[in-house]
Protein backbone atom coordinates (compact mmCIF):
# COMPACT_ATOMS: atom_id res chain seq x y z
CA MET A 1 -1.15 -6.44 16.60
CA THR A 2 -2.75 -5.52 13.28
CA LYS A 3 -3.81 -1.91 12.79
CA PHE A 4 -7.13 -1.20 11.06
CA GLY A 5 -5.44 0.07 7.90
CA ASP A 6 -3.71 -3.31 7.56
CA PHE A 7 -6.88 -5.43 7.65
CA GLY A 8 -6.49 -7.72 4.64
CA LYS A 9 -2.89 -6.64 4.03
CA GLY A 10 -1.61 -10.16 3.37
CA ALA A 11 -4.04 -10.69 0.50
CA LYS A 12 -3.56 -7.17 -0.88
CA ASP A 13 0.22 -7.55 -0.90
CA LEU A 14 0.13 -10.94 -2.59
CA LEU A 15 -2.23 -9.67 -5.32
CA GLY A 16 -0.68 -6.21 -5.47
CA LYS A 17 2.26 -4.47 -7.08
CA ASP A 18 5.08 -6.61 -5.73
CA TYR A 19 4.78 -9.04 -8.62
CA TYR A 20 2.65 -7.08 -11.10
CA GLN A 21 4.45 -3.95 -12.31
CA TYR A 22 4.05 -3.05 -15.96
CA ASP A 23 6.75 -0.41 -16.30
CA THR A 24 10.37 -0.85 -17.28
CA LYS A 25 12.04 0.04 -14.01
CA LEU A 26 15.57 0.19 -12.62
CA LYS A 27 16.29 0.58 -8.91
CA VAL A 28 19.69 0.80 -7.22
CA LYS A 29 20.10 0.60 -3.44
CA THR A 30 23.37 1.29 -1.67
CA THR A 31 24.38 1.82 1.95
CA ALA A 32 27.20 4.14 3.00
CA SER A 33 29.69 3.28 5.74
CA ASN A 34 27.87 5.63 8.15
CA GLY A 35 24.59 3.72 7.70
CA VAL A 36 22.82 6.08 5.30
CA ALA A 37 20.79 4.08 2.75
CA PHE A 38 20.47 5.59 -0.72
CA THR A 39 17.93 4.56 -3.36
CA THR A 40 17.94 5.73 -6.96
CA GLU A 41 15.19 4.68 -9.35
CA GLY A 42 13.74 5.46 -12.73
CA ALA A 43 10.99 4.00 -14.90
CA MET A 44 9.41 4.12 -18.33
CA SER A 45 5.78 3.35 -19.15
CA GLY A 46 5.70 2.53 -22.83
CA SER A 47 7.56 5.41 -24.48
CA ALA A 48 6.82 7.83 -21.61
CA VAL A 49 9.58 8.49 -19.10
CA LYS A 50 8.35 8.71 -15.51
CA PRO A 51 9.98 11.06 -13.00
CA ALA A 52 13.18 9.60 -11.59
CA LYS A 53 13.99 10.07 -7.93
CA VAL A 54 16.76 9.68 -5.42
CA SER A 55 16.10 9.14 -1.72
CA ALA A 56 17.96 8.59 1.51
CA ALA A 57 17.10 7.04 4.87
CA PHE A 58 19.14 7.18 8.06
CA LYS A 59 19.02 7.35 11.84
CA PRO A 60 20.80 10.51 13.07
CA VAL A 61 20.35 9.77 16.79
CA ASP A 62 18.72 7.12 18.93
CA GLY A 63 14.95 7.52 18.88
CA ILE A 64 14.77 9.54 15.65
CA THR A 65 14.54 7.90 12.23
CA ILE A 66 14.60 9.72 8.90
CA LYS A 67 12.58 7.22 6.90
CA LYS A 68 12.69 9.14 3.65
CA LEU A 69 14.25 12.22 2.14
CA SER A 70 13.66 12.19 -1.60
CA ALA A 71 13.78 14.47 -4.62
CA ALA A 72 12.26 13.71 -8.02
CA THR A 73 12.98 15.11 -11.46
CA ASN A 74 9.48 16.64 -11.56
CA GLY A 75 10.46 18.90 -8.66
CA THR A 76 8.67 16.97 -5.92
CA LEU A 77 10.37 16.87 -2.52
CA VAL A 78 9.30 14.34 0.11
CA GLY A 79 10.32 13.96 3.73
CA GLU A 80 9.30 11.54 6.46
CA ALA A 81 10.71 11.33 9.99
CA SER A 82 9.62 9.52 13.13
CA LEU A 83 10.18 9.98 16.83
CA ASP A 84 10.18 6.47 18.25
CA ASP A 85 9.47 5.25 21.77
CA VAL A 86 8.32 8.61 23.15
CA MET A 87 6.78 6.38 25.78
CA ASP A 88 5.98 2.70 25.76
CA GLY A 89 4.02 2.01 22.54
CA LEU A 90 3.87 5.66 21.36
CA LYS A 91 5.42 6.96 18.12
CA PHE A 92 5.13 10.27 16.26
CA THR A 93 5.71 10.58 12.51
CA VAL A 94 5.86 13.72 10.37
CA LYS A 95 5.29 13.51 6.60
CA ILE A 96 5.76 16.41 4.20
CA GLU A 97 5.59 16.73 0.42
CA GLU A 98 6.12 19.78 -1.75
CA GLY A 99 5.79 20.10 -5.50
CA ARG A 100 3.42 20.21 -8.45
CA VAL A 101 1.82 17.23 -10.20
CA GLY A 102 -0.06 17.75 -13.45
CA GLY A 103 0.28 21.50 -13.07
CA LYS A 104 -1.41 21.50 -9.66
CA ASP A 105 0.04 21.97 -6.19
CA ALA A 106 0.65 18.64 -4.47
CA ASP A 107 1.73 19.96 -1.08
CA LYS A 108 1.06 17.63 1.83
CA GLY A 109 1.70 17.80 5.54
CA GLU A 110 0.73 15.15 8.06
CA LEU A 111 1.33 14.34 11.69
CA VAL A 112 0.77 10.67 12.51
CA ILE A 113 0.40 9.46 16.10
CA ASP A 114 0.61 5.70 16.61
CA PHE A 115 -0.07 4.05 19.94
CA LYS A 116 -0.06 0.35 20.76
CA GLY A 117 -1.65 -0.77 23.99
CA ASP A 118 -2.65 -4.07 25.52
CA GLY A 119 -4.94 -5.62 22.89
CA PHE A 120 -5.52 -2.48 20.82
CA VAL A 121 -3.79 -0.06 18.47
CA SER A 122 -4.66 3.55 17.65
CA ASN A 123 -3.49 5.45 14.56
CA THR A 124 -4.29 9.17 14.34
CA THR A 125 -3.47 11.17 11.21
CA VAL A 126 -3.72 14.95 11.21
CA ASN A 127 -3.65 16.58 7.77
CA VAL A 128 -2.40 20.09 8.50
CA ILE A 129 -2.66 21.31 4.88
CA ASP A 130 -6.19 20.38 3.79
CA GLY A 131 -8.86 21.23 6.32
CA PRO A 132 -7.10 20.66 8.63
CA ALA A 133 -8.52 17.13 8.75
CA ILE A 134 -8.26 14.29 11.25
CA LYS A 135 -8.47 10.56 10.60
CA GLU A 136 -8.69 8.09 13.48
CA ASP A 137 -8.22 4.33 13.13
CA LEU A 138 -8.80 1.92 16.00
CA ALA A 139 -8.33 -1.84 16.10
CA PHE A 140 -8.87 -4.35 18.89
CA LYS A 141 -7.77 -7.97 19.21
CA PHE A 142 -9.38 -10.66 21.34
CA ASP A 143 -7.86 -14.12 20.95
CA SER A 144 -7.98 -14.74 17.18
CA PHE A 145 -10.60 -12.07 16.44
CA LEU A 146 -10.04 -8.53 15.18
CA LEU A 147 -12.45 -5.60 15.36
CA GLY A 148 -11.83 -2.09 14.12
CA GLY A 149 -13.10 1.11 12.66
CA SER A 150 -12.10 4.39 11.07
CA VAL A 151 -13.55 7.90 10.81
CA SER A 152 -12.34 10.97 8.89
CA TYR A 153 -13.34 14.48 9.96
CA ASN A 154 -12.61 17.74 8.14
CA THR A 155 -12.66 20.89 10.27
CA GLY A 156 -13.43 23.08 7.25
CA PHE A 157 -11.30 25.93 8.58
CA ASP A 158 -9.65 26.55 5.20
CA LYS A 159 -13.08 26.89 3.50
CA ALA A 160 -11.98 24.51 0.70
CA ALA A 161 -14.50 21.95 1.96
CA ASP A 162 -17.42 21.92 4.35
CA GLY A 163 -16.63 20.75 7.85
CA GLY A 164 -17.90 17.42 9.12
CA VAL A 165 -17.43 13.68 8.90
CA LYS A 166 -16.24 12.69 5.41
CA LYS A 167 -15.70 8.92 5.60
CA TYR A 168 -16.23 6.08 8.02
CA ALA A 169 -15.57 2.37 8.06
CA VAL A 170 -15.90 -0.68 10.30
CA GLY A 171 -14.31 -4.10 9.99
CA ALA A 172 -13.75 -7.51 11.53
CA GLY A 173 -11.28 -10.29 10.99
CA TYR A 174 -10.17 -13.72 12.10
CA THR A 175 -6.61 -15.02 12.18
CA ASP A 176 -5.42 -18.60 12.59
CA GLN A 177 -2.02 -20.23 12.23
CA ASP A 178 -2.14 -20.60 8.45
CA PHE A 179 -4.91 -18.27 7.27
CA ASN A 180 -6.69 -14.99 7.94
CA ALA A 181 -9.92 -13.45 6.70
CA THR A 182 -11.29 -9.92 6.99
CA LEU A 183 -14.52 -8.08 6.17
CA THR A 184 -14.78 -4.27 6.06
CA ALA A 185 -17.59 -1.87 5.21
CA ASN A 186 -17.12 1.79 4.34
CA GLY A 187 -19.45 4.69 3.75
CA THR A 188 -19.57 8.40 2.96
CA PRO A 189 -22.10 10.82 4.51
CA GLY A 190 -24.62 12.37 2.14
CA THR A 191 -24.71 9.45 -0.32
CA ASP A 192 -28.16 8.10 0.69
CA GLY A 193 -26.84 5.15 2.62
CA LYS A 194 -24.30 4.07 0.01
CA TRP A 195 -21.98 1.49 1.54
CA GLY A 196 -19.11 -0.44 0.05
CA VAL A 197 -17.93 -3.84 1.25
CA ASP A 198 -14.53 -5.52 0.92
CA ALA A 199 -13.55 -9.03 1.95
CA SER A 200 -10.15 -10.71 1.92
CA PHE A 201 -8.78 -14.19 2.43
CA PHE A 202 -5.15 -15.26 2.75
CA HIS A 203 -3.97 -18.85 3.17
CA THR A 204 -0.48 -20.24 3.63
CA TYR A 205 -1.19 -23.54 1.88
CA SER A 206 2.37 -24.79 2.36
CA PRO A 207 5.81 -23.28 3.00
CA GLU A 208 6.08 -22.74 -0.77
CA ILE A 209 2.52 -21.81 -1.77
CA ASN A 210 0.34 -18.86 -0.70
CA ILE A 211 -3.21 -18.23 -1.91
CA ALA A 212 -5.30 -15.07 -1.65
CA ALA A 213 -8.66 -13.65 -2.72
CA LEU A 214 -10.19 -10.17 -2.67
CA LEU A 215 -13.90 -9.42 -3.07
CA GLY A 216 -15.10 -5.85 -3.52
CA ILE A 217 -18.56 -4.28 -3.81
CA LYS A 218 -18.56 -0.50 -4.28
CA ASP A 219 -22.27 -0.08 -3.55
CA VAL A 220 -24.31 -2.78 -1.82
CA GLN A 221 -27.53 -1.15 -3.09
CA ALA A 222 -26.44 -1.71 -6.69
CA PRO A 223 -23.97 -4.55 -6.31
CA LYS A 224 -21.45 -5.17 -9.05
CA PRO A 225 -18.99 -7.39 -7.22
CA SER A 226 -15.40 -7.72 -8.34
CA LEU A 227 -13.38 -10.79 -7.43
CA GLU A 228 -9.64 -11.29 -7.70
CA VAL A 229 -7.91 -14.58 -6.85
CA GLY A 230 -4.30 -15.61 -7.15
CA GLY A 231 -1.29 -17.15 -5.54
CA THR A 232 2.47 -17.44 -5.40
CA CYS A 233 4.72 -20.48 -5.51
CA LYS A 234 8.40 -20.59 -4.53
CA MET A 235 10.17 -22.73 -7.11
CA ASP A 236 13.41 -22.71 -5.13
CA SER A 237 15.36 -20.38 -2.85
CA ALA A 238 16.00 -17.94 -5.73
CA SER A 239 12.82 -17.93 -7.83
CA LEU A 240 9.10 -17.42 -7.41
CA VAL A 241 6.12 -17.44 -9.77
CA ALA A 242 2.85 -15.56 -9.25
CA GLY A 243 -0.50 -15.53 -11.01
CA LYS A 244 -3.93 -14.01 -10.57
CA ALA A 245 -7.24 -13.57 -12.39
CA ASP A 246 -10.21 -11.27 -11.91
CA THR A 247 -13.86 -11.07 -12.91
CA ASN A 248 -13.03 -8.68 -15.78
CA GLY A 249 -11.24 -11.50 -17.55
CA VAL A 250 -7.77 -10.09 -16.89
CA LEU A 251 -5.01 -12.65 -16.32
CA SER A 252 -1.74 -11.54 -14.74
CA PHE A 253 1.54 -13.35 -14.27
CA GLY A 254 4.75 -12.55 -12.43
CA TYR A 255 8.16 -14.13 -12.14
CA GLU A 256 10.79 -13.12 -9.58
CA GLN A 257 14.38 -14.27 -9.96
CA LYS A 258 17.23 -13.53 -7.56
CA ILE A 259 20.20 -13.52 -9.89
CA ASN A 260 22.55 -13.27 -6.94
CA SER A 261 22.53 -11.79 -3.43
CA SER A 262 22.56 -8.25 -4.85
CA VAL A 263 20.49 -8.43 -8.05
CA LYS A 264 16.78 -9.25 -8.47
CA LEU A 265 14.66 -9.28 -11.62
CA VAL A 266 10.85 -9.22 -11.65
CA THR A 267 9.04 -9.82 -14.94
CA SER A 268 5.29 -9.18 -15.20
CA ALA A 269 2.71 -9.78 -17.91
CA GLN A 270 -1.00 -9.01 -18.18
CA VAL A 271 -3.49 -10.31 -20.74
CA ASP A 272 -7.11 -9.28 -21.14
CA ALA A 273 -8.70 -12.60 -22.10
CA THR A 274 -11.79 -10.82 -23.46
CA LYS A 275 -9.57 -9.07 -26.03
CA PHE A 276 -7.07 -11.85 -26.51
CA THR A 277 -6.81 -11.51 -30.31
CA GLU A 278 -6.91 -7.70 -30.30
CA ASP A 279 -4.09 -5.19 -30.11
CA SER A 280 -5.29 -3.89 -26.75
CA SER A 281 -3.66 -1.49 -24.30
CA ASP A 282 -4.81 -3.90 -21.59
CA HIS A 283 -2.09 -6.33 -22.69
CA LYS A 284 0.96 -5.29 -20.69
CA LEU A 285 4.54 -6.36 -20.05
CA GLY A 286 6.95 -5.04 -17.42
CA PHE A 287 10.51 -5.52 -16.18
CA ASN A 288 11.85 -4.45 -12.81
CA LEU A 289 15.58 -4.80 -12.18
CA SER A 290 16.97 -3.89 -8.76
CA PHE A 291 20.50 -3.79 -7.41
CA SER A 292 21.40 -3.60 -3.73
CA ALA A 293 24.78 -3.31 -2.07
């Protein structure tokens, strides 16, 4: 059952950051004998060093999962834990973050309540820091059709923002054996009927080839559509190539190589075809090396 936040996820993942990362990044994953999984990672963007972080994930007792406990060199602390199977289909998750980003407080605190029923899924997020605010996502499935919606409400108790509905969205989708398509519309109160529209398409052309497309219109009253299309192709069991292009003339390429069962290298490149002969910051190159043991 697909939740509303995952409408179009297949296309977004294929055209997203998995194969197109333009930093120089190193990630090391290890698992201790007691089952605790550790991840250490660091990255550079050009000559700038990004905050490195170390994180752990483990399951202390049945029914409780510590999905993430992480600390970064910029002082940010992140925690995420879930209480699974409270009852059939019900799960609680707590997310916290403490630290400063860009000189500003970046504290976050959320309670997420997920419930899966017969033919529907509900995802409720309560932001206990800002507002507090509540976001409710609902999705329904009937045969191959999906319907869903989302609404965000800020109580305004902390006086940082006026209370009321802040965002809303509706969507529909269709899923078959080898493809799926979705259409969502989103709006914000007080913007004179301004609506944005997003459409996605994902097709498993063959066991080796996947194709995806994303269409976005930020304001249907003044449409400036953006289109992104791309695909991936498995060359063999250890290598994969990816490519995509968008309406801004940006071409992106990715290559994933499993060097062995523990080491994977992802190389990414981006070229702005409209500035092909220029020394442009839109031309990018990235390397992502990960170890797991």
